[in-house]
Amino acid sequence: MILYVNGDSHSAGHDAGGPDFAYGRHLANALNSDYVCDAVSGCSNDSIIERTLKYLESTTPDFVIIGWSTWERETWYWNGTPYNFTSSGTDLVHPMLQDFYKEWVIANSRPNVQRQKERDAHLKIYLLHKYLQSKQIKHLFFNAYNFFFYTHSYNDPKYYWGDRDENFLHPYDIKMTYYDWLKQHGFKMSNPESFHYGADAHRAWAEFILPKIQSMLTKNI
């Protein structure tokens, strides 16, 4: 059995000791499965989707779990090399891209841009879900930090996830993001200057979602 995990720094176990101390390792141990962690710190959702599809070209895992990144992140390519950027305004940027980056950060502060980025992320994630369904690959998604604040109020019903805790762990509820759920349960940041939790929190998150995964593995698609 293969458990494939993707996401950003939260899924990569940043500040927790790395992938072998992240929630994915605990899940793989509990499921007695091989563990593939494709998560990359600071990455965008587009890059998560790209890496997932690339992996699926050669391998069909038994279960896919993805913790989605923040909507504003983007992956840019310079001379064929991918760079992941946030709208913090503090990213290291190639001198040739400095002016463009500054304009991009300003644009990302506008509410209409934020709403559109959230809506775009919602649609792309939904389409990946449909693709995995078409391949009969069982999967569970969750929001690592952001949740869909705007989308549920105007979303096309065709793409509405609902909130039934099936393939996406309550996508419209901030309390069910990885970050907020652990905060509610008393876990502290492993580094006060970051938003990352330690290995104990990763273990707790794995214990929380494990019954859901076990239930899904016993059902026919």
N, C-alpha and C. Protein backbone atom coordinates (compact mmCIF):
# COMPACT_ATOMS: atom_id res chain seq x y z
N MET A 1 0.84 -1.20 0.00
CA MET A 1 0.00 0.00 0.00
C MET A 1 0.87 1.24 0.00
N ILE A 2 0.44 2.26 -0.75
CA ILE A 2 1.19 3.52 -0.84
C ILE A 2 0.30 4.67 -0.37
N LEU A 3 0.81 5.44 0.60
CA LEU A 3 0.16 6.67 1.03
C LEU A 3 0.95 7.83 0.45
N TYR A 4 0.29 8.62 -0.39
CA TYR A 4 0.94 9.77 -1.03
C TYR A 4 0.46 11.05 -0.36
N VAL A 5 1.40 11.86 0.14
CA VAL A 5 1.08 13.10 0.84
C VAL A 5 1.69 14.27 0.09
N ASN A 6 0.89 15.33 -0.09
CA ASN A 6 1.41 16.54 -0.72
C ASN A 6 0.87 17.76 0.03
N GLY A 7 1.52 18.89 -0.18
CA GLY A 7 1.12 20.12 0.48
C GLY A 7 2.30 21.07 0.60
N ASP A 8 2.21 21.99 1.56
CA ASP A 8 3.27 22.97 1.76
C ASP A 8 4.07 22.62 3.01
N SER A 9 4.58 23.62 3.71
CA SER A 9 5.45 23.37 4.87
C SER A 9 4.76 22.59 5.98
N HIS A 10 3.44 22.76 6.12
CA HIS A 10 2.72 22.04 7.17
C HIS A 10 2.75 20.53 6.91
N SER A 11 2.63 20.15 5.67
CA SER A 11 2.68 18.72 5.33
C SER A 11 4.11 18.20 5.26
N ALA A 12 5.06 19.12 5.03
CA ALA A 12 6.47 18.72 4.96
C ALA A 12 7.10 18.57 6.34
N GLY A 13 6.35 18.96 7.39
CA GLY A 13 6.88 18.85 8.75
C GLY A 13 7.90 19.91 9.09
N HIS A 14 7.77 21.09 8.48
CA HIS A 14 8.70 22.18 8.77
C HIS A 14 8.62 22.57 10.25
N ASP A 15 9.78 22.69 10.89
CA ASP A 15 9.89 23.00 12.32
C ASP A 15 9.43 21.86 13.22
N ALA A 16 9.15 20.69 12.61
CA ALA A 16 8.78 19.52 13.41
C ALA A 16 9.81 18.41 13.29
N GLY A 17 10.82 18.63 12.45
CA GLY A 17 11.85 17.62 12.23
C GLY A 17 11.87 17.05 10.84
N GLY A 18 10.94 17.53 9.97
CA GLY A 18 10.91 17.07 8.60
C GLY A 18 9.83 16.03 8.35
N PRO A 19 9.75 15.51 7.12
CA PRO A 19 8.68 14.58 6.73
C PRO A 19 8.53 13.36 7.64
N ASP A 20 9.63 12.86 8.18
CA ASP A 20 9.53 11.67 9.02
C ASP A 20 8.96 11.95 10.40
N PHE A 21 8.68 13.23 10.69
CA PHE A 21 8.03 13.60 11.95
C PHE A 21 6.68 14.26 11.69
N ALA A 22 6.28 14.32 10.42
CA ALA A 22 5.03 14.97 10.04
C ALA A 22 3.86 14.00 10.16
N TYR A 23 2.66 14.55 10.06
CA TYR A 23 1.45 13.73 10.23
C TYR A 23 1.41 12.57 9.25
N GLY A 24 1.96 12.76 8.04
CA GLY A 24 1.94 11.70 7.04
C GLY A 24 2.67 10.44 7.48
N ARG A 25 3.80 10.63 8.16
CA ARG A 25 4.55 9.47 8.66
C ARG A 25 3.74 8.70 9.70
N HIS A 26 3.06 9.41 10.58
CA HIS A 26 2.24 8.74 11.59
C HIS A 26 1.09 7.97 10.94
N LEU A 27 0.50 8.57 9.90
CA LEU A 27 -0.57 7.88 9.18
C LEU A 27 -0.05 6.63 8.49
N ALA A 28 1.10 6.76 7.82
CA ALA A 28 1.68 5.62 7.11
C ALA A 28 1.99 4.48 8.08
N ASN A 29 2.52 4.81 9.25
CA ASN A 29 2.82 3.79 10.25
C ASN A 29 1.53 3.09 10.72
N ALA A 30 0.49 3.89 10.96
CA ALA A 30 -0.77 3.32 11.44
C ALA A 30 -1.43 2.44 10.38
N LEU A 31 -1.24 2.80 9.11
CA LEU A 31 -1.86 2.07 8.01
C LEU A 31 -0.97 0.97 7.46
N ASN A 32 0.25 0.87 8.03
CA ASN A 32 1.23 -0.12 7.56
C ASN A 32 1.47 0.04 6.05
N SER A 33 1.69 1.28 5.62
CA SER A 33 1.84 1.57 4.20
C SER A 33 3.18 2.23 3.90
N ASP A 34 3.56 2.19 2.64
CA ASP A 34 4.71 2.97 2.19
C ASP A 34 4.31 4.44 2.24
N TYR A 35 5.29 5.29 2.47
CA TYR A 35 5.03 6.72 2.69
C TYR A 35 5.80 7.53 1.66
N VAL A 36 5.06 8.28 0.85
CA VAL A 36 5.66 9.18 -0.13
C VAL A 36 5.21 10.59 0.23
N CYS A 37 6.17 11.45 0.62
CA CYS A 37 5.86 12.84 0.95
C CYS A 37 6.42 13.74 -0.13
N ASP A 38 5.54 14.39 -0.87
CA ASP A 38 5.92 15.26 -1.98
C ASP A 38 5.75 16.73 -1.61
N ALA A 39 5.53 17.02 -0.33
CA ALA A 39 5.25 18.39 0.12
C ALA A 39 6.52 19.25 0.05
N VAL A 40 6.33 20.54 -0.27
CA VAL A 40 7.44 21.49 -0.40
C VAL A 40 7.08 22.76 0.37
N SER A 41 7.95 23.16 1.27
CA SER A 41 7.70 24.37 2.06
C SER A 41 7.58 25.60 1.16
N GLY A 42 6.60 26.44 1.46
CA GLY A 42 6.42 27.70 0.74
C GLY A 42 5.82 27.59 -0.63
N CYS A 43 5.32 26.41 -1.00
CA CYS A 43 4.86 26.22 -2.37
C CYS A 43 3.43 26.71 -2.57
N SER A 44 3.07 26.87 -3.83
CA SER A 44 1.73 27.29 -4.21
C SER A 44 0.84 26.08 -4.44
N ASN A 45 -0.46 26.32 -4.50
CA ASN A 45 -1.39 25.24 -4.82
C ASN A 45 -1.19 24.73 -6.24
N ASP A 46 -0.85 25.62 -7.16
CA ASP A 46 -0.58 25.18 -8.53
C ASP A 46 0.57 24.18 -8.55
N SER A 47 1.61 24.43 -7.76
CA SER A 47 2.75 23.52 -7.75
C SER A 47 2.39 22.20 -7.08
N ILE A 48 1.50 22.25 -6.07
CA ILE A 48 1.03 21.01 -5.45
C ILE A 48 0.31 20.15 -6.48
N ILE A 49 -0.57 20.78 -7.25
CA ILE A 49 -1.31 20.05 -8.29
C ILE A 49 -0.35 19.52 -9.34
N GLU A 50 0.61 20.33 -9.75
CA GLU A 50 1.58 19.91 -10.76
C GLU A 50 2.37 18.70 -10.29
N ARG A 51 2.87 18.73 -9.05
CA ARG A 51 3.65 17.61 -8.54
C ARG A 51 2.79 16.35 -8.40
N THR A 52 1.54 16.53 -7.97
CA THR A 52 0.65 15.38 -7.82
C THR A 52 0.41 14.70 -9.15
N LEU A 53 0.09 15.48 -10.16
CA LEU A 53 -0.18 14.92 -11.49
C LEU A 53 1.07 14.25 -12.07
N LYS A 54 2.23 14.85 -11.80
CA LYS A 54 3.48 14.26 -12.27
C LYS A 54 3.70 12.90 -11.61
N TYR A 55 3.46 12.81 -10.33
CA TYR A 55 3.63 11.54 -9.61
C TYR A 55 2.67 10.48 -10.16
N LEU A 56 1.45 10.90 -10.45
CA LEU A 56 0.44 9.95 -10.92
C LEU A 56 0.72 9.44 -12.32
N GLU A 57 1.61 10.09 -13.05
CA GLU A 57 1.98 9.61 -14.38
C GLU A 57 2.63 8.23 -14.32
N SER A 58 3.33 7.94 -13.23
CA SER A 58 4.08 6.69 -13.14
C SER A 58 3.63 5.77 -12.02
N THR A 59 2.83 6.30 -11.07
CA THR A 59 2.46 5.50 -9.90
C THR A 59 1.00 5.76 -9.53
N THR A 60 0.31 4.72 -9.11
CA THR A 60 -1.06 4.86 -8.62
C THR A 60 -1.07 4.52 -7.13
N PRO A 61 -1.10 5.51 -6.27
CA PRO A 61 -1.12 5.25 -4.82
C PRO A 61 -2.47 4.72 -4.38
N ASP A 62 -2.50 4.14 -3.20
CA ASP A 62 -3.76 3.64 -2.65
C ASP A 62 -4.57 4.76 -2.01
N PHE A 63 -3.85 5.78 -1.54
CA PHE A 63 -4.55 6.91 -0.92
C PHE A 63 -3.72 8.17 -1.09
N VAL A 64 -4.42 9.28 -1.39
CA VAL A 64 -3.79 10.59 -1.54
C VAL A 64 -4.34 11.52 -0.47
N ILE A 65 -3.46 12.21 0.22
CA ILE A 65 -3.89 13.23 1.17
C ILE A 65 -3.13 14.52 0.88
N ILE A 66 -3.87 15.63 0.78
CA ILE A 66 -3.26 16.91 0.43
C ILE A 66 -3.74 17.98 1.41
N GLY A 67 -2.77 18.70 1.98
CA GLY A 67 -3.06 19.87 2.80
C GLY A 67 -2.79 21.11 1.97
N TRP A 68 -3.83 21.84 1.61
CA TRP A 68 -3.70 22.93 0.64
C TRP A 68 -3.05 24.17 1.23
N SER A 69 -2.31 24.86 0.38
CA SER A 69 -1.56 26.05 0.75
C SER A 69 -2.44 27.29 0.71
N THR A 70 -1.85 28.47 0.94
CA THR A 70 -2.60 29.72 0.92
C THR A 70 -2.83 30.17 -0.52
N TRP A 71 -3.94 30.89 -0.72
CA TRP A 71 -4.38 31.21 -2.08
C TRP A 71 -3.44 32.17 -2.79
N GLU A 72 -2.80 33.07 -2.05
CA GLU A 72 -2.03 34.14 -2.72
C GLU A 72 -0.71 33.64 -3.29
N ARG A 73 -0.24 32.49 -2.87
CA ARG A 73 1.06 32.00 -3.34
C ARG A 73 1.01 31.66 -4.84
N GLU A 74 2.12 31.97 -5.50
CA GLU A 74 2.24 31.64 -6.91
C GLU A 74 3.61 31.04 -7.18
N THR A 75 3.68 30.24 -8.22
CA THR A 75 4.94 29.67 -8.67
C THR A 75 5.32 30.36 -9.97
N TRP A 76 6.49 30.99 -9.97
CA TRP A 76 7.01 31.65 -11.16
C TRP A 76 8.23 30.88 -11.66
N TYR A 77 8.42 30.94 -12.97
CA TYR A 77 9.58 30.27 -13.57
C TYR A 77 10.54 31.32 -14.14
N TRP A 78 11.81 31.15 -13.81
CA TRP A 78 12.85 32.02 -14.33
C TRP A 78 13.98 31.13 -14.85
N ASN A 79 14.23 31.23 -16.15
CA ASN A 79 15.23 30.38 -16.80
C ASN A 79 14.98 28.89 -16.52
N GLY A 80 13.70 28.53 -16.52
CA GLY A 80 13.32 27.14 -16.35
C GLY A 80 13.29 26.65 -14.93
N THR A 81 13.63 27.51 -13.97
CA THR A 81 13.64 27.12 -12.56
C THR A 81 12.40 27.68 -11.85
N PRO A 82 11.65 26.83 -11.12
CA PRO A 82 10.46 27.33 -10.41
C PRO A 82 10.82 28.03 -9.11
N TYR A 83 10.14 29.13 -8.83
CA TYR A 83 10.30 29.86 -7.58
C TYR A 83 8.91 30.09 -6.99
N ASN A 84 8.77 29.82 -5.70
CA ASN A 84 7.49 30.02 -5.04
C ASN A 84 7.49 31.34 -4.28
N PHE A 85 6.44 32.14 -4.51
CA PHE A 85 6.35 33.46 -3.90
C PHE A 85 5.06 33.65 -3.13
N THR A 86 5.14 34.44 -2.06
CA THR A 86 3.97 34.84 -1.30
C THR A 86 3.80 36.35 -1.48
N SER A 87 2.67 36.86 -1.03
CA SER A 87 2.43 38.30 -1.14
C SER A 87 2.89 39.04 0.12
N SER A 88 3.83 38.44 0.84
CA SER A 88 4.36 39.08 2.06
C SER A 88 5.21 40.30 1.73
N GLY A 89 5.78 40.31 0.53
CA GLY A 89 6.68 41.40 0.15
C GLY A 89 8.09 41.19 0.64
N THR A 90 8.36 40.04 1.24
CA THR A 90 9.70 39.79 1.83
C THR A 90 10.45 38.66 1.13
N ASP A 91 9.88 38.12 0.05
CA ASP A 91 10.54 37.02 -0.65
C ASP A 91 11.81 37.49 -1.36
N LEU A 92 12.77 36.59 -1.47
CA LEU A 92 13.97 36.86 -2.25
C LEU A 92 13.61 36.72 -3.73
N VAL A 93 13.80 37.79 -4.48
CA VAL A 93 13.37 37.82 -5.88
C VAL A 93 14.56 38.19 -6.76
N HIS A 94 14.63 37.56 -7.91
CA HIS A 94 15.67 37.89 -8.88
C HIS A 94 15.57 39.38 -9.23
N PRO A 95 16.70 40.08 -9.36
CA PRO A 95 16.67 41.53 -9.65
C PRO A 95 15.80 41.88 -10.86
N MET A 96 15.74 41.02 -11.85
CA MET A 96 14.95 41.30 -13.05
C MET A 96 13.44 41.26 -12.76
N LEU A 97 13.05 40.66 -11.63
CA LEU A 97 11.64 40.51 -11.31
C LEU A 97 11.17 41.42 -10.18
N GLN A 98 12.08 42.25 -9.66
CA GLN A 98 11.76 43.06 -8.48
C GLN A 98 10.56 43.98 -8.70
N ASP A 99 10.55 44.72 -9.79
CA ASP A 99 9.45 45.66 -10.03
C ASP A 99 8.12 44.93 -10.21
N PHE A 100 8.17 43.84 -10.96
CA PHE A 100 6.95 43.07 -11.18
C PHE A 100 6.44 42.50 -9.86
N TYR A 101 7.37 42.04 -9.02
CA TYR A 101 6.99 41.46 -7.73
C TYR A 101 6.31 42.51 -6.85
N LYS A 102 6.86 43.73 -6.80
CA LYS A 102 6.27 44.79 -5.99
C LYS A 102 4.84 45.09 -6.44
N GLU A 103 4.63 45.17 -7.75
CA GLU A 103 3.29 45.42 -8.27
C GLU A 103 2.34 44.28 -7.93
N TRP A 104 2.86 43.07 -7.98
CA TRP A 104 2.05 41.88 -7.68
C TRP A 104 1.64 41.87 -6.22
N VAL A 105 2.54 42.24 -5.30
CA VAL A 105 2.23 42.28 -3.87
C VAL A 105 1.14 43.30 -3.60
N ILE A 106 1.22 44.47 -4.23
CA ILE A 106 0.21 45.51 -4.06
C ILE A 106 -1.15 45.02 -4.56
N ALA A 107 -1.14 44.38 -5.72
CA ALA A 107 -2.39 43.89 -6.30
C ALA A 107 -3.04 42.84 -5.41
N ASN A 108 -2.21 42.02 -4.75
CA ASN A 108 -2.75 40.95 -3.92
C ASN A 108 -3.41 41.46 -2.65
N SER A 109 -3.22 42.73 -2.31
CA SER A 109 -3.85 43.29 -1.13
C SER A 109 -5.29 43.74 -1.41
N ARG A 110 -5.70 43.74 -2.67
CA ARG A 110 -7.04 44.20 -3.03
C ARG A 110 -8.06 43.09 -2.81
N PRO A 111 -9.17 43.40 -2.15
CA PRO A 111 -10.18 42.37 -1.84
C PRO A 111 -10.69 41.63 -3.07
N ASN A 112 -10.90 42.36 -4.19
CA ASN A 112 -11.42 41.67 -5.37
C ASN A 112 -10.42 40.66 -5.92
N VAL A 113 -9.11 40.97 -5.81
CA VAL A 113 -8.08 40.03 -6.24
C VAL A 113 -8.04 38.83 -5.30
N GLN A 114 -8.16 39.06 -4.00
CA GLN A 114 -8.16 37.97 -3.03
C GLN A 114 -9.34 37.03 -3.27
N ARG A 115 -10.50 37.62 -3.55
CA ARG A 115 -11.68 36.79 -3.82
C ARG A 115 -11.48 35.93 -5.07
N GLN A 116 -10.90 36.54 -6.10
CA GLN A 116 -10.70 35.79 -7.34
C GLN A 116 -9.68 34.67 -7.17
N LYS A 117 -8.63 34.94 -6.41
CA LYS A 117 -7.61 33.90 -6.17
C LYS A 117 -8.21 32.74 -5.38
N GLU A 118 -9.06 33.06 -4.41
CA GLU A 118 -9.71 32.00 -3.65
C GLU A 118 -10.62 31.18 -4.56
N ARG A 119 -11.36 31.87 -5.40
CA ARG A 119 -12.28 31.17 -6.30
C ARG A 119 -11.52 30.29 -7.30
N ASP A 120 -10.41 30.81 -7.82
CA ASP A 120 -9.58 30.02 -8.74
C ASP A 120 -9.04 28.77 -8.06
N ALA A 121 -8.57 28.94 -6.80
CA ALA A 121 -8.03 27.80 -6.06
C ALA A 121 -9.12 26.76 -5.82
N HIS A 122 -10.31 27.23 -5.47
CA HIS A 122 -11.44 26.34 -5.22
C HIS A 122 -11.73 25.48 -6.44
N LEU A 123 -11.77 26.10 -7.61
CA LEU A 123 -12.09 25.38 -8.84
C LEU A 123 -10.99 24.37 -9.19
N LYS A 124 -9.73 24.79 -9.10
CA LYS A 124 -8.63 23.89 -9.44
C LYS A 124 -8.58 22.68 -8.52
N ILE A 125 -8.82 22.91 -7.23
CA ILE A 125 -8.82 21.80 -6.28
C ILE A 125 -9.98 20.86 -6.58
N TYR A 126 -11.12 21.43 -6.91
CA TYR A 126 -12.28 20.59 -7.24
C TYR A 126 -12.00 19.74 -8.48
N LEU A 127 -11.36 20.33 -9.47
CA LEU A 127 -11.07 19.59 -10.70
C LEU A 127 -10.06 18.47 -10.44
N LEU A 128 -9.10 18.69 -9.53
CA LEU A 128 -8.19 17.60 -9.17
C LEU A 128 -8.97 16.47 -8.49
N HIS A 129 -9.90 16.84 -7.63
CA HIS A 129 -10.76 15.85 -6.98
C HIS A 129 -11.49 15.00 -8.02
N LYS A 130 -12.06 15.64 -9.04
CA LYS A 130 -12.78 14.91 -10.07
C LYS A 130 -11.83 14.00 -10.86
N TYR A 131 -10.61 14.47 -11.08
CA TYR A 131 -9.63 13.65 -11.79
C TYR A 131 -9.28 12.40 -10.97
N LEU A 132 -9.05 12.58 -9.68
CA LEU A 132 -8.74 11.44 -8.82
C LEU A 132 -9.91 10.47 -8.78
N GLN A 133 -11.11 11.00 -8.75
CA GLN A 133 -12.29 10.14 -8.79
C GLN A 133 -12.32 9.32 -10.07
N SER A 134 -12.00 9.97 -11.19
CA SER A 134 -12.04 9.27 -12.48
C SER A 134 -11.02 8.15 -12.54
N LYS A 135 -9.94 8.29 -11.77
CA LYS A 135 -8.90 7.25 -11.72
C LYS A 135 -9.14 6.27 -10.58
N GLN A 136 -10.25 6.46 -9.86
CA GLN A 136 -10.61 5.61 -8.72
C GLN A 136 -9.51 5.60 -7.65
N ILE A 137 -8.95 6.79 -7.41
CA ILE A 137 -7.93 6.96 -6.38
C ILE A 137 -8.58 7.62 -5.17
N LYS A 138 -8.58 6.94 -4.06
CA LYS A 138 -9.19 7.49 -2.85
C LYS A 138 -8.32 8.62 -2.30
N HIS A 139 -8.99 9.66 -1.76
CA HIS A 139 -8.24 10.85 -1.36
C HIS A 139 -9.01 11.67 -0.33
N LEU A 140 -8.23 12.43 0.42
CA LEU A 140 -8.78 13.36 1.41
C LEU A 140 -8.00 14.66 1.34
N PHE A 141 -8.72 15.77 1.22
CA PHE A 141 -8.12 17.10 1.21
C PHE A 141 -8.46 17.82 2.51
N PHE A 142 -7.57 18.74 2.90
CA PHE A 142 -7.90 19.66 4.00
C PHE A 142 -7.17 20.98 3.75
N ASN A 143 -7.66 22.04 4.35
CA ASN A 143 -7.00 23.34 4.27
C ASN A 143 -6.01 23.47 5.41
N ALA A 144 -4.77 23.77 5.07
CA ALA A 144 -3.74 23.87 6.10
C ALA A 144 -3.89 25.14 6.93
N TYR A 145 -4.13 26.27 6.26
CA TYR A 145 -4.22 27.54 6.98
C TYR A 145 -5.43 28.36 6.52
N ASN A 146 -5.52 28.64 5.23
CA ASN A 146 -6.70 29.33 4.71
C ASN A 146 -7.93 28.42 4.75
N PHE A 147 -9.10 29.04 4.71
CA PHE A 147 -10.32 28.30 4.43
C PHE A 147 -11.08 29.11 3.39
N PHE A 148 -12.10 28.52 2.78
CA PHE A 148 -12.83 29.22 1.72
C PHE A 148 -13.83 30.18 2.35
N PHE A 149 -13.39 31.42 2.54
CA PHE A 149 -14.20 32.44 3.22
C PHE A 149 -15.26 33.01 2.30
N TYR A 150 -14.89 33.32 1.05
CA TYR A 150 -15.81 33.96 0.12
C TYR A 150 -16.61 32.95 -0.70
N THR A 151 -15.96 31.85 -1.07
CA THR A 151 -16.47 31.02 -2.15
C THR A 151 -17.83 30.42 -1.88
N HIS A 152 -18.11 30.01 -0.65
CA HIS A 152 -19.37 29.31 -0.39
C HIS A 152 -20.58 30.20 -0.61
N SER A 153 -20.40 31.52 -0.58
CA SER A 153 -21.54 32.43 -0.68
C SER A 153 -21.98 32.69 -2.12
N TYR A 154 -21.10 32.45 -3.09
CA TYR A 154 -21.50 32.70 -4.47
C TYR A 154 -21.07 31.59 -5.42
N ASN A 155 -20.62 30.49 -4.89
CA ASN A 155 -20.05 29.44 -5.72
C ASN A 155 -21.09 28.76 -6.60
N ASP A 156 -20.67 28.39 -7.80
CA ASP A 156 -21.50 27.62 -8.71
C ASP A 156 -21.85 26.29 -8.02
N PRO A 157 -23.14 25.97 -7.88
CA PRO A 157 -23.51 24.72 -7.20
C PRO A 157 -22.85 23.48 -7.79
N LYS A 158 -22.49 23.55 -9.06
CA LYS A 158 -21.84 22.42 -9.72
C LYS A 158 -20.54 22.05 -9.03
N TYR A 159 -19.86 23.06 -8.46
CA TYR A 159 -18.56 22.83 -7.85
C TYR A 159 -18.59 22.93 -6.32
N TYR A 160 -19.77 22.97 -5.77
CA TYR A 160 -19.87 23.17 -4.32
C TYR A 160 -19.57 21.87 -3.60
N TRP A 161 -18.64 21.91 -2.67
CA TRP A 161 -18.26 20.71 -1.94
C TRP A 161 -19.30 20.28 -0.92
N GLY A 162 -20.08 21.23 -0.45
CA GLY A 162 -20.90 20.93 0.71
C GLY A 162 -19.99 20.88 1.93
N ASP A 163 -20.50 20.42 3.02
CA ASP A 163 -19.69 20.36 4.25
C ASP A 163 -19.96 19.05 4.97
N ARG A 164 -19.96 17.98 4.19
CA ARG A 164 -20.33 16.67 4.74
C ARG A 164 -19.12 15.84 5.14
N ASP A 165 -17.95 16.45 5.13
CA ASP A 165 -16.76 15.76 5.61
C ASP A 165 -16.48 14.49 4.81
N GLU A 166 -16.55 14.59 3.46
CA GLU A 166 -16.26 13.44 2.63
C GLU A 166 -14.83 13.53 2.09
N ASN A 167 -14.66 14.05 0.87
CA ASN A 167 -13.30 14.12 0.33
C ASN A 167 -12.55 15.38 0.73
N PHE A 168 -13.26 16.36 1.29
CA PHE A 168 -12.62 17.60 1.73
C PHE A 168 -13.09 17.88 3.15
N LEU A 169 -12.15 18.00 4.06
CA LEU A 169 -12.48 18.15 5.48
C LEU A 169 -13.02 19.56 5.75
N HIS A 170 -14.33 19.71 5.71
CA HIS A 170 -15.02 20.98 6.01
C HIS A 170 -14.30 22.19 5.40
N PRO A 171 -14.34 22.33 4.09
CA PRO A 171 -13.56 23.38 3.42
C PRO A 171 -13.99 24.81 3.73
N TYR A 172 -15.21 25.01 4.27
CA TYR A 172 -15.72 26.36 4.52
C TYR A 172 -15.71 26.75 6.00
N ASP A 173 -15.03 25.95 6.81
CA ASP A 173 -15.04 26.16 8.26
C ASP A 173 -13.62 26.40 8.76
N ILE A 174 -13.35 27.60 9.25
CA ILE A 174 -12.01 27.94 9.72
C ILE A 174 -11.57 27.03 10.87
N LYS A 175 -12.51 26.56 11.66
CA LYS A 175 -12.16 25.72 12.81
C LYS A 175 -11.64 24.35 12.39
N MET A 176 -11.85 23.99 11.10
CA MET A 176 -11.42 22.68 10.63
C MET A 176 -10.17 22.75 9.75
N THR A 177 -9.52 23.91 9.72
CA THR A 177 -8.21 23.96 9.09
C THR A 177 -7.20 23.29 10.03
N TYR A 178 -6.13 22.77 9.45
CA TYR A 178 -5.07 22.14 10.25
C TYR A 178 -4.58 23.11 11.32
N TYR A 179 -4.30 24.35 10.93
CA TYR A 179 -3.73 25.34 11.84
C TYR A 179 -4.69 25.64 12.99
N ASP A 180 -5.94 25.91 12.67
CA ASP A 180 -6.87 26.35 13.71
C ASP A 180 -7.32 25.19 14.59
N TRP A 181 -7.48 24.00 14.02
CA TRP A 181 -7.88 22.84 14.83
C TRP A 181 -6.84 22.56 15.91
N LEU A 182 -5.57 22.61 15.53
CA LEU A 182 -4.51 22.35 16.50
C LEU A 182 -4.44 23.46 17.55
N LYS A 183 -4.65 24.70 17.12
CA LYS A 183 -4.67 25.82 18.07
C LYS A 183 -5.78 25.64 19.08
N GLN A 184 -6.97 25.26 18.62
CA GLN A 184 -8.11 25.04 19.53
C GLN A 184 -7.82 23.92 20.53
N HIS A 185 -7.01 22.97 20.13
CA HIS A 185 -6.71 21.82 20.99
C HIS A 185 -5.46 22.03 21.85
N GLY A 186 -5.03 23.28 21.94
CA GLY A 186 -4.01 23.64 22.90
C GLY A 186 -2.57 23.52 22.45
N PHE A 187 -2.33 23.26 21.19
CA PHE A 187 -0.95 23.13 20.71
C PHE A 187 -0.37 24.52 20.42
N LYS A 188 0.92 24.67 20.68
CA LYS A 188 1.62 25.93 20.49
C LYS A 188 2.57 25.82 19.30
N MET A 189 2.89 26.98 18.75
CA MET A 189 3.84 27.01 17.64
C MET A 189 5.21 26.49 18.10
N SER A 190 5.86 25.73 17.25
CA SER A 190 7.20 25.25 17.59
C SER A 190 8.22 26.37 17.50
N ASN A 191 7.88 27.39 16.72
CA ASN A 191 8.73 28.57 16.56
C ASN A 191 7.82 29.79 16.61
N PRO A 192 7.99 30.68 17.58
CA PRO A 192 7.08 31.84 17.71
C PRO A 192 7.02 32.71 16.46
N GLU A 193 8.04 32.65 15.62
CA GLU A 193 8.08 33.48 14.43
C GLU A 193 7.48 32.78 13.21
N SER A 194 6.98 31.56 13.40
CA SER A 194 6.39 30.83 12.28
C SER A 194 4.97 30.42 12.63
N PHE A 195 4.32 29.76 11.68
CA PHE A 195 2.97 29.25 11.91
C PHE A 195 2.99 27.72 11.99
N HIS A 196 4.15 27.17 12.34
CA HIS A 196 4.31 25.72 12.31
C HIS A 196 4.21 25.10 13.70
N TYR A 197 3.68 23.88 13.71
CA TYR A 197 3.58 23.13 14.95
C TYR A 197 4.66 22.06 15.01
N GLY A 198 4.87 21.53 16.20
CA GLY A 198 5.88 20.51 16.41
C GLY A 198 5.36 19.11 16.15
N ALA A 199 6.23 18.14 16.41
CA ALA A 199 5.92 16.74 16.12
C ALA A 199 4.71 16.23 16.91
N ASP A 200 4.52 16.74 18.13
CA ASP A 200 3.38 16.28 18.94
C ASP A 200 2.06 16.69 18.30
N ALA A 201 2.02 17.87 17.70
CA ALA A 201 0.80 18.33 17.02
C ALA A 201 0.56 17.50 15.76
N HIS A 202 1.61 17.19 15.05
CA HIS A 202 1.46 16.35 13.85
C HIS A 202 0.87 14.99 14.22
N ARG A 203 1.31 14.44 15.33
CA ARG A 203 0.79 13.15 15.78
C ARG A 203 -0.71 13.28 16.10
N ALA A 204 -1.09 14.37 16.74
CA ALA A 204 -2.49 14.58 17.09
C ALA A 204 -3.36 14.73 15.84
N TRP A 205 -2.85 15.46 14.85
CA TRP A 205 -3.61 15.64 13.61
C TRP A 205 -3.80 14.30 12.90
N ALA A 206 -2.74 13.49 12.89
CA ALA A 206 -2.83 12.16 12.27
C ALA A 206 -3.88 11.31 12.98
N GLU A 207 -3.89 11.35 14.30
CA GLU A 207 -4.87 10.58 15.07
C GLU A 207 -6.29 11.06 14.79
N PHE A 208 -6.44 12.36 14.54
CA PHE A 208 -7.75 12.93 14.26
C PHE A 208 -8.30 12.47 12.91
N ILE A 209 -7.46 12.47 11.87
CA ILE A 209 -7.97 12.13 10.54
C ILE A 209 -7.84 10.65 10.19
N LEU A 210 -7.12 9.88 11.00
CA LEU A 210 -6.93 8.46 10.71
C LEU A 210 -8.24 7.69 10.58
N PRO A 211 -9.20 7.82 11.52
CA PRO A 211 -10.46 7.06 11.36
C PRO A 211 -11.18 7.37 10.06
N LYS A 212 -11.12 8.64 9.63
CA LYS A 212 -11.74 9.02 8.37
C LYS A 212 -11.09 8.28 7.21
N ILE A 213 -9.77 8.23 7.19
CA ILE A 213 -9.05 7.56 6.12
C ILE A 213 -9.32 6.06 6.14
N GLN A 214 -9.30 5.48 7.31
CA GLN A 214 -9.58 4.04 7.42
C GLN A 214 -10.97 3.70 6.91
N SER A 215 -11.93 4.55 7.22
CA SER A 215 -13.29 4.34 6.74
C SER A 215 -13.35 4.43 5.22
N MET A 216 -12.67 5.41 4.65
CA MET A 216 -12.68 5.58 3.20
C MET A 216 -12.00 4.40 2.49
N LEU A 217 -10.97 3.86 3.10
CA LEU A 217 -10.24 2.75 2.47
C LEU A 217 -11.09 1.49 2.41
N THR A 218 -12.08 1.36 3.27
CA THR A 218 -12.92 0.16 3.28
C THR A 218 -14.10 0.26 2.33
N LYS A 219 -14.34 1.45 1.78
CA LYS A 219 -15.49 1.66 0.91
C LYS A 219 -15.10 1.54 -0.56
N ASN A 220 -16.03 1.07 -1.37
CA ASN A 220 -15.83 1.06 -2.81
C ASN A 220 -16.11 2.44 -3.38
N ILE A 221 -15.33 2.83 -4.38
CA ILE A 221 -15.56 4.15 -5.00
C ILE A 221 -16.77 4.08 -5.92
